[in-house]
Structure formats: C-alpha cells, structure tokens
C-alpha cells in the first residue's frame, strides 16, 4: 500500500487516499480527507497496525461503498471513487462478496 501510494500525486486538489482494513469486520483507518499531501499520507500508512483475523470481504466492500465513499469521509462530488482491495485469503462468504461487488 505504501509503495503504491508513494507514486500518487496526492494534494488538496489532486488524489486523495483513504485506507480501510478488514478481517472479521471492516475498520476504517482514515478517510480520504485526512491527508492532503504525500508525506503525511505515507506517515499515516506507517502507523497502521495489521489486524489479523478472518477474511470478511463482503462486509469490507459494503463498508467501502457506504462509509469510505461517503462525503462525510471526504469523498468529493464529481470525482471518481476507486477502490483497490488487497486480501490475504478467500472470502468467508463468496455469495455476499459477489453481491457487494456488484453493488459497488
């Protein structure tokens, strides 16, 4: 995540990045309005502690769509919302994951 993010043109009017982890449940680390420059974003990523646990991808996709991509978390109107999902294993509910991916 850090290596990828270090290549992005993060700025107030440019790219914004939010990070959410998930295991048995999703956890928003920070929304897209928290860091508006690359250096502070990379420090924020350094402060993330790995959760461990299950792989509830369906709930994570739902939280991404309903929480992370909300204006309250910093999503800007008219700006594309792009998610990159990194997982360590097979989803605990493939049917829910497919349904949430379709809804996103």
C-alpha atoms as a PDB file:
ATOM      1  CA  UNK A   1       0.000   0.000   0.000  1.00  0.00           C
ATOM      2  CA  UNK A   2       2.766   2.408   0.898  1.00  0.00           C
ATOM      3  CA  UNK A   3       4.779   1.667  -2.240  1.00  0.00           C
ATOM      4  CA  UNK A   4       1.739   2.186  -4.441  1.00  0.00           C
ATOM      5  CA  UNK A   5       0.658   5.344  -2.590  1.00  0.00           C
ATOM      6  CA  UNK A   6       4.137   6.850  -2.816  1.00  0.00           C
ATOM      7  CA  UNK A   7       3.650   7.105  -6.596  1.00  0.00           C
ATOM      8  CA  UNK A   8       0.365   9.035  -6.419  1.00  0.00           C
ATOM      9  CA  UNK A   9       0.097  12.823  -6.909  1.00  0.00           C
ATOM     10  CA  UNK A  10      -1.548  13.420  -3.508  1.00  0.00           C
ATOM     11  CA  UNK A  11      -2.610  17.034  -2.937  1.00  0.00           C
ATOM     12  CA  UNK A  12      -5.535  19.158  -1.781  1.00  0.00           C
ATOM     13  CA  UNK A  13      -6.967  19.274  -5.317  1.00  0.00           C
ATOM     14  CA  UNK A  14      -5.378  16.051  -6.585  1.00  0.00           C
ATOM     15  CA  UNK A  15      -5.526  12.433  -5.491  1.00  0.00           C
ATOM     16  CA  UNK A  16      -6.928  11.662  -2.041  1.00  0.00           C
ATOM     17  CA  UNK A  17      -6.393   8.290  -0.349  1.00  0.00           C
ATOM     18  CA  UNK A  18      -8.351   6.563   2.405  1.00  0.00           C
ATOM     19  CA  UNK A  19      -7.431   3.242   3.998  1.00  0.00           C
ATOM     20  CA  UNK A  20      -9.667   0.598   5.488  1.00  0.00           C
ATOM     21  CA  UNK A  21      -8.564  -2.775   6.838  1.00  0.00           C
ATOM     22  CA  UNK A  22     -10.773  -5.781   7.233  1.00  0.00           C
ATOM     23  CA  UNK A  23     -10.643  -9.144   8.884  1.00  0.00           C
ATOM     24  CA  UNK A  24     -13.790 -10.491  10.539  1.00  0.00           C
ATOM     25  CA  UNK A  25     -15.042  -6.884  10.410  1.00  0.00           C
ATOM     26  CA  UNK A  26     -14.066  -3.741   8.484  1.00  0.00           C
ATOM     27  CA  UNK A  27     -12.131  -0.955  10.199  1.00  0.00           C
ATOM     28  CA  UNK A  28     -11.645   2.492   8.674  1.00  0.00           C
ATOM     29  CA  UNK A  29      -8.069   3.607   9.355  1.00  0.00           C
ATOM     30  CA  UNK A  30      -8.579   7.055   7.815  1.00  0.00           C
ATOM     31  CA  UNK A  31     -10.892   8.681   5.299  1.00  0.00           C
ATOM     32  CA  UNK A  32      -9.932  10.461   2.121  1.00  0.00           C
ATOM     33  CA  UNK A  33      -9.991  13.939   3.687  1.00  0.00           C
ATOM     34  CA  UNK A  34      -7.364  13.260   6.374  1.00  0.00           C
ATOM     35  CA  UNK A  35      -4.132  13.546   4.357  1.00  0.00           C
ATOM     36  CA  UNK A  36      -3.730  16.054   1.536  1.00  0.00           C
ATOM     37  CA  UNK A  37      -0.016  15.633   0.871  1.00  0.00           C
ATOM     38  CA  UNK A  38       2.072  12.561   0.105  1.00  0.00           C
ATOM     39  CA  UNK A  39       4.481  12.820   3.054  1.00  0.00           C
ATOM     40  CA  UNK A  40       1.747  12.889   5.703  1.00  0.00           C
ATOM     41  CA  UNK A  41      -0.164  10.116   3.908  1.00  0.00           C
ATOM     42  CA  UNK A  42       2.896   7.863   3.995  1.00  0.00           C
ATOM     43  CA  UNK A  43       3.370   8.560   7.716  1.00  0.00           C
ATOM     44  CA  UNK A  44      -0.291   7.702   8.265  1.00  0.00           C
ATOM     45  CA  UNK A  45       0.175   4.414   6.444  1.00  0.00           C
ATOM     46  CA  UNK A  46       3.228   3.672   8.604  1.00  0.00           C
ATOM     47  CA  UNK A  47       1.029   3.990  11.719  1.00  0.00           C
ATOM     48  CA  UNK A  48      -1.429   1.288  10.645  1.00  0.00           C
ATOM     49  CA  UNK A  49      -1.306  -1.881  12.730  1.00  0.00           C
ATOM     50  CA  UNK A  50      -2.149  -5.157  10.972  1.00  0.00           C
ATOM     51  CA  UNK A  51      -5.468  -6.538  12.267  1.00  0.00           C
ATOM     52  CA  UNK A  52      -5.212 -10.248  11.524  1.00  0.00           C
ATOM     53  CA  UNK A  53      -8.264 -12.492  11.743  1.00  0.00           C
ATOM     54  CA  UNK A  54     -10.834 -13.667   9.217  1.00  0.00           C
ATOM     55  CA  UNK A  55     -11.491 -12.540   5.649  1.00  0.00           C
ATOM     56  CA  UNK A  56     -14.931 -10.935   5.550  1.00  0.00           C
ATOM     57  CA  UNK A  57     -14.601  -9.346   2.122  1.00  0.00           C
ATOM     58  CA  UNK A  58     -18.350  -8.812   1.698  1.00  0.00           C
ATOM     59  CA  UNK A  59     -18.646  -6.604   4.798  1.00  0.00           C
ATOM     60  CA  UNK A  60     -15.496  -4.757   3.747  1.00  0.00           C
ATOM     61  CA  UNK A  61     -16.937  -3.963   0.307  1.00  0.00           C
ATOM     62  CA  UNK A  62     -20.175  -2.801   1.913  1.00  0.00           C
ATOM     63  CA  UNK A  63     -18.277  -0.504   4.311  1.00  0.00           C
ATOM     64  CA  UNK A  64     -16.199   0.814   1.429  1.00  0.00           C
ATOM     65  CA  UNK A  65     -19.314   1.697  -0.543  1.00  0.00           C
ATOM     66  CA  UNK A  66     -21.424   3.088   2.326  1.00  0.00           C
ATOM     67  CA  UNK A  67     -18.738   4.603   4.584  1.00  0.00           C
ATOM     68  CA  UNK A  68     -15.423   5.211   2.817  1.00  0.00           C
ATOM     69  CA  UNK A  69     -17.046   6.568  -0.339  1.00  0.00           C
ATOM     70  CA  UNK A  70     -19.356   8.939   1.558  1.00  0.00           C
ATOM     71  CA  UNK A  71     -18.933  12.701   1.571  1.00  0.00           C
ATOM     72  CA  UNK A  72     -18.635  12.510   5.364  1.00  0.00           C
ATOM     73  CA  UNK A  73     -15.378  10.585   4.894  1.00  0.00           C
ATOM     74  CA  UNK A  74     -14.085  13.034   2.316  1.00  0.00           C
ATOM     75  CA  UNK A  75     -15.441  11.752  -0.993  1.00  0.00           C
ATOM     76  CA  UNK A  76     -15.774  14.695  -3.377  1.00  0.00           C
ATOM     77  CA  UNK A  77     -18.745  15.124  -5.713  1.00  0.00           C
ATOM     78  CA  UNK A  78     -17.873  14.561  -9.356  1.00  0.00           C
ATOM     79  CA  UNK A  79     -14.578  12.829  -8.541  1.00  0.00           C
ATOM     80  CA  UNK A  80     -14.248   9.111  -9.375  1.00  0.00           C
ATOM     81  CA  UNK A  81     -14.103   6.766  -6.399  1.00  0.00           C
ATOM     82  CA  UNK A  82     -11.672   3.926  -6.946  1.00  0.00           C
ATOM     83  CA  UNK A  83     -11.034   1.018  -4.591  1.00  0.00           C
ATOM     84  CA  UNK A  84      -8.118  -1.371  -4.567  1.00  0.00           C
ATOM     85  CA  UNK A  85      -8.818  -4.449  -2.484  1.00  0.00           C
ATOM     86  CA  UNK A  86      -5.846  -6.348  -1.085  1.00  0.00           C
ATOM     87  CA  UNK A  87      -6.678  -9.587   0.685  1.00  0.00           C
ATOM     88  CA  UNK A  88      -4.755 -12.385   2.319  1.00  0.00           C
ATOM     89  CA  UNK A  89      -7.173 -15.174   1.574  1.00  0.00           C
ATOM     90  CA  UNK A  90     -10.505 -16.491   0.360  1.00  0.00           C
ATOM     91  CA  UNK A  91     -13.609 -14.584   1.438  1.00  0.00           C
ATOM     92  CA  UNK A  92     -15.580 -16.135   4.276  1.00  0.00           C
ATOM     93  CA  UNK A  93     -18.771 -15.642   2.214  1.00  0.00           C
ATOM     94  CA  UNK A  94     -18.322 -15.746  -1.537  1.00  0.00           C
ATOM     95  CA  UNK A  95     -22.026 -15.051  -2.207  1.00  0.00           C
ATOM     96  CA  UNK A  96     -22.001 -11.897  -0.062  1.00  0.00           C
ATOM     97  CA  UNK A  97     -18.724 -10.772  -1.645  1.00  0.00           C
ATOM     98  CA  UNK A  98     -20.139 -11.129  -5.168  1.00  0.00           C
ATOM     99  CA  UNK A  99     -23.335  -9.313  -4.172  1.00  0.00           C
ATOM    100  CA  UNK A 100     -21.418  -6.408  -2.581  1.00  0.00           C
ATOM    101  CA  UNK A 101     -19.002  -6.195  -5.504  1.00  0.00           C
ATOM    102  CA  UNK A 102     -21.962  -5.946  -7.882  1.00  0.00           C
ATOM    103  CA  UNK A 103     -23.486  -3.185  -5.710  1.00  0.00           C
ATOM    104  CA  UNK A 104     -20.253  -1.200  -5.721  1.00  0.00           C
END
